[in-house]
């Protein structure tokens, strides 16, 4: 299993710039909140489970399609997060084997 540190996909400066552009361009009262940034993915899975917020069919696979591939970066991180949270992953993966130790390149 790979180490998962924090659930950060975009740098803070990027999302702050997007929020500012939205505020200036259209919605001055809008505030972009990022409450999950200090949490690990396992923390998010655990909290989602407690709050009954685990989506039955979320899409996070880089390859797209109807079924998660099970080998790309997001599939590996997703699987690891469920394992670390001690929760059964409801996701259906195209790869029936165990998740790879590191992401496989997407072609």
C-alpha atoms as a PDB file:
ATOM      1  CA  UNK A   1       0.000   0.000   0.000  1.00  0.00           C
ATOM      2  CA  UNK A   2       1.279   3.475  -0.850  1.00  0.00           C
ATOM      3  CA  UNK A   3       1.535   6.185   1.767  1.00  0.00           C
ATOM      4  CA  UNK A   4      -1.226   8.762   1.453  1.00  0.00           C
ATOM      5  CA  UNK A   5      -0.422  12.071   3.035  1.00  0.00           C
ATOM      6  CA  UNK A   6      -3.060  14.668   2.292  1.00  0.00           C
ATOM      7  CA  UNK A   7      -5.989  15.039  -0.061  1.00  0.00           C
ATOM      8  CA  UNK A   8      -4.649  17.906  -2.131  1.00  0.00           C
ATOM      9  CA  UNK A   9      -5.247  17.954  -5.841  1.00  0.00           C
ATOM     10  CA  UNK A  10      -4.764  21.636  -6.591  1.00  0.00           C
ATOM     11  CA  UNK A  11      -2.394  24.105  -4.959  1.00  0.00           C
ATOM     12  CA  UNK A  12      -3.957  26.627  -2.600  1.00  0.00           C
ATOM     13  CA  UNK A  13      -2.862  29.552  -4.792  1.00  0.00           C
ATOM     14  CA  UNK A  14      -4.684  28.076  -7.783  1.00  0.00           C
ATOM     15  CA  UNK A  15      -7.993  27.641  -5.990  1.00  0.00           C
ATOM     16  CA  UNK A  16      -7.654  31.088  -4.396  1.00  0.00           C
ATOM     17  CA  UNK A  17      -7.134  32.597  -7.851  1.00  0.00           C
ATOM     18  CA  UNK A  18     -10.179  30.757  -9.223  1.00  0.00           C
ATOM     19  CA  UNK A  19     -12.269  31.959  -6.266  1.00  0.00           C
ATOM     20  CA  UNK A  20     -11.120  35.523  -6.842  1.00  0.00           C
ATOM     21  CA  UNK A  21     -11.910  35.334 -10.564  1.00  0.00           C
ATOM     22  CA  UNK A  22     -15.419  34.061  -9.796  1.00  0.00           C
ATOM     23  CA  UNK A  23     -15.909  36.755  -7.150  1.00  0.00           C
ATOM     24  CA  UNK A  24     -14.728  39.590  -9.392  1.00  0.00           C
ATOM     25  CA  UNK A  25     -16.375  38.294 -12.563  1.00  0.00           C
ATOM     26  CA  UNK A  26     -19.817  37.331 -11.393  1.00  0.00           C
ATOM     27  CA  UNK A  27     -20.524  36.513  -7.792  1.00  0.00           C
ATOM     28  CA  UNK A  28     -19.066  38.952  -5.238  1.00  0.00           C
ATOM     29  CA  UNK A  29     -20.758  37.107  -2.340  1.00  0.00           C
ATOM     30  CA  UNK A  30     -19.319  33.702  -3.288  1.00  0.00           C
ATOM     31  CA  UNK A  31     -16.747  32.077  -0.999  1.00  0.00           C
ATOM     32  CA  UNK A  32     -14.844  28.972  -2.079  1.00  0.00           C
ATOM     33  CA  UNK A  33     -14.430  26.672   0.894  1.00  0.00           C
ATOM     34  CA  UNK A  34     -11.933  23.801   1.071  1.00  0.00           C
ATOM     35  CA  UNK A  35     -12.810  21.976   4.306  1.00  0.00           C
ATOM     36  CA  UNK A  36     -11.227  18.654   3.353  1.00  0.00           C
ATOM     37  CA  UNK A  37      -7.729  19.920   2.507  1.00  0.00           C
ATOM     38  CA  UNK A  38      -6.180  19.126   5.922  1.00  0.00           C
ATOM     39  CA  UNK A  39      -7.612  15.585   5.870  1.00  0.00           C
ATOM     40  CA  UNK A  40      -6.187  12.414   4.379  1.00  0.00           C
ATOM     41  CA  UNK A  41      -8.310  10.468   1.898  1.00  0.00           C
ATOM     42  CA  UNK A  42      -8.773   7.795   4.572  1.00  0.00           C
ATOM     43  CA  UNK A  43     -10.119  10.490   6.932  1.00  0.00           C
ATOM     44  CA  UNK A  44     -12.563  11.594   4.247  1.00  0.00           C
ATOM     45  CA  UNK A  45     -13.733   8.024   3.602  1.00  0.00           C
ATOM     46  CA  UNK A  46     -14.185   7.427   7.346  1.00  0.00           C
ATOM     47  CA  UNK A  47     -16.150  10.652   7.804  1.00  0.00           C
ATOM     48  CA  UNK A  48     -18.233   9.950   4.725  1.00  0.00           C
ATOM     49  CA  UNK A  49     -19.069   6.538   6.126  1.00  0.00           C
ATOM     50  CA  UNK A  50     -20.168   7.997   9.467  1.00  0.00           C
ATOM     51  CA  UNK A  51     -22.234  10.652   7.692  1.00  0.00           C
ATOM     52  CA  UNK A  52     -23.589   8.048   5.206  1.00  0.00           C
ATOM     53  CA  UNK A  53     -22.092  10.059   2.359  1.00  0.00           C
ATOM     54  CA  UNK A  54     -20.208   7.336   0.499  1.00  0.00           C
ATOM     55  CA  UNK A  55     -21.544   7.768  -3.021  1.00  0.00           C
ATOM     56  CA  UNK A  56     -22.691   4.448  -4.445  1.00  0.00           C
ATOM     57  CA  UNK A  57     -21.115   5.057  -7.848  1.00  0.00           C
ATOM     58  CA  UNK A  58     -18.588   7.914  -7.721  1.00  0.00           C
ATOM     59  CA  UNK A  59     -16.316   8.553 -10.687  1.00  0.00           C
ATOM     60  CA  UNK A  60     -12.653   9.107  -9.977  1.00  0.00           C
ATOM     61  CA  UNK A  61     -10.815   6.873 -12.483  1.00  0.00           C
ATOM     62  CA  UNK A  62      -8.419   8.658 -14.849  1.00  0.00           C
ATOM     63  CA  UNK A  63      -9.368   6.291 -17.675  1.00  0.00           C
ATOM     64  CA  UNK A  64     -13.084   7.081 -17.474  1.00  0.00           C
ATOM     65  CA  UNK A  65     -15.556   4.527 -18.742  1.00  0.00           C
ATOM     66  CA  UNK A  66     -18.306   2.697 -16.934  1.00  0.00           C
ATOM     67  CA  UNK A  67     -16.029   0.816 -14.527  1.00  0.00           C
ATOM     68  CA  UNK A  68     -12.984   2.029 -12.601  1.00  0.00           C
ATOM     69  CA  UNK A  69      -9.769   0.517 -14.020  1.00  0.00           C
ATOM     70  CA  UNK A  70      -8.257  -0.312 -10.633  1.00  0.00           C
ATOM     71  CA  UNK A  71      -4.718   0.576 -11.712  1.00  0.00           C
ATOM     72  CA  UNK A  72      -4.497   4.365 -12.285  1.00  0.00           C
ATOM     73  CA  UNK A  73      -3.412   6.823  -9.593  1.00  0.00           C
ATOM     74  CA  UNK A  74      -6.888   7.742  -8.388  1.00  0.00           C
ATOM     75  CA  UNK A  75      -8.045   4.117  -8.283  1.00  0.00           C
ATOM     76  CA  UNK A  76      -4.992   3.150  -6.213  1.00  0.00           C
ATOM     77  CA  UNK A  77      -5.438   6.109  -3.848  1.00  0.00           C
ATOM     78  CA  UNK A  78      -9.156   5.405  -3.537  1.00  0.00           C
ATOM     79  CA  UNK A  79      -8.555   1.740  -2.709  1.00  0.00           C
ATOM     80  CA  UNK A  80      -5.827   2.636  -0.204  1.00  0.00           C
ATOM     81  CA  UNK A  81      -8.109   5.175   1.490  1.00  0.00           C
ATOM     82  CA  UNK A  82     -10.816   2.572   2.060  1.00  0.00           C
ATOM     83  CA  UNK A  83      -8.257   0.069   3.380  1.00  0.00           C
ATOM     84  CA  UNK A  84      -6.747   2.632   5.764  1.00  0.00           C
ATOM     85  CA  UNK A  85     -10.213   3.696   6.946  1.00  0.00           C
ATOM     86  CA  UNK A  86     -11.144   0.047   7.569  1.00  0.00           C
ATOM     87  CA  UNK A  87     -14.210   0.315   5.328  1.00  0.00           C
ATOM     88  CA  UNK A  88     -15.213  -1.996   2.472  1.00  0.00           C
ATOM     89  CA  UNK A  89     -14.729  -0.224  -0.861  1.00  0.00           C
ATOM     90  CA  UNK A  90     -18.033  -0.374  -2.791  1.00  0.00           C
ATOM     91  CA  UNK A  91     -16.295   0.504  -6.060  1.00  0.00           C
ATOM     92  CA  UNK A  92     -16.342  -1.994  -8.925  1.00  0.00           C
ATOM     93  CA  UNK A  93     -12.908  -2.238 -10.585  1.00  0.00           C
ATOM     94  CA  UNK A  94     -12.095  -3.669 -14.029  1.00  0.00           C
ATOM     95  CA  UNK A  95      -8.945  -5.219 -12.567  1.00  0.00           C
ATOM     96  CA  UNK A  96     -10.044  -8.026 -10.256  1.00  0.00           C
ATOM     97  CA  UNK A  97      -6.611  -8.432  -8.694  1.00  0.00           C
ATOM     98  CA  UNK A  98      -5.295  -6.459  -5.768  1.00  0.00           C
ATOM     99  CA  UNK A  99      -4.435  -2.837  -6.373  1.00  0.00           C
ATOM    100  CA  UNK A 100      -0.851  -2.195  -7.538  1.00  0.00           C
ATOM    101  CA  UNK A 101       1.685  -0.779  -5.111  1.00  0.00           C
ATOM    102  CA  UNK A 102       2.000   2.285  -7.312  1.00  0.00           C
ATOM    103  CA  UNK A 103      -0.106   3.738 -10.119  1.00  0.00           C
ATOM    104  CA  UNK A 104       0.177   2.207 -13.571  1.00  0.00           C
ATOM    105  CA  UNK A 105       0.655   4.663 -16.457  1.00  0.00           C
ATOM    106  CA  UNK A 106      -2.567   5.520 -18.248  1.00  0.00           C
ATOM    107  CA  UNK A 107      -2.344   5.046 -21.998  1.00  0.00           C
END
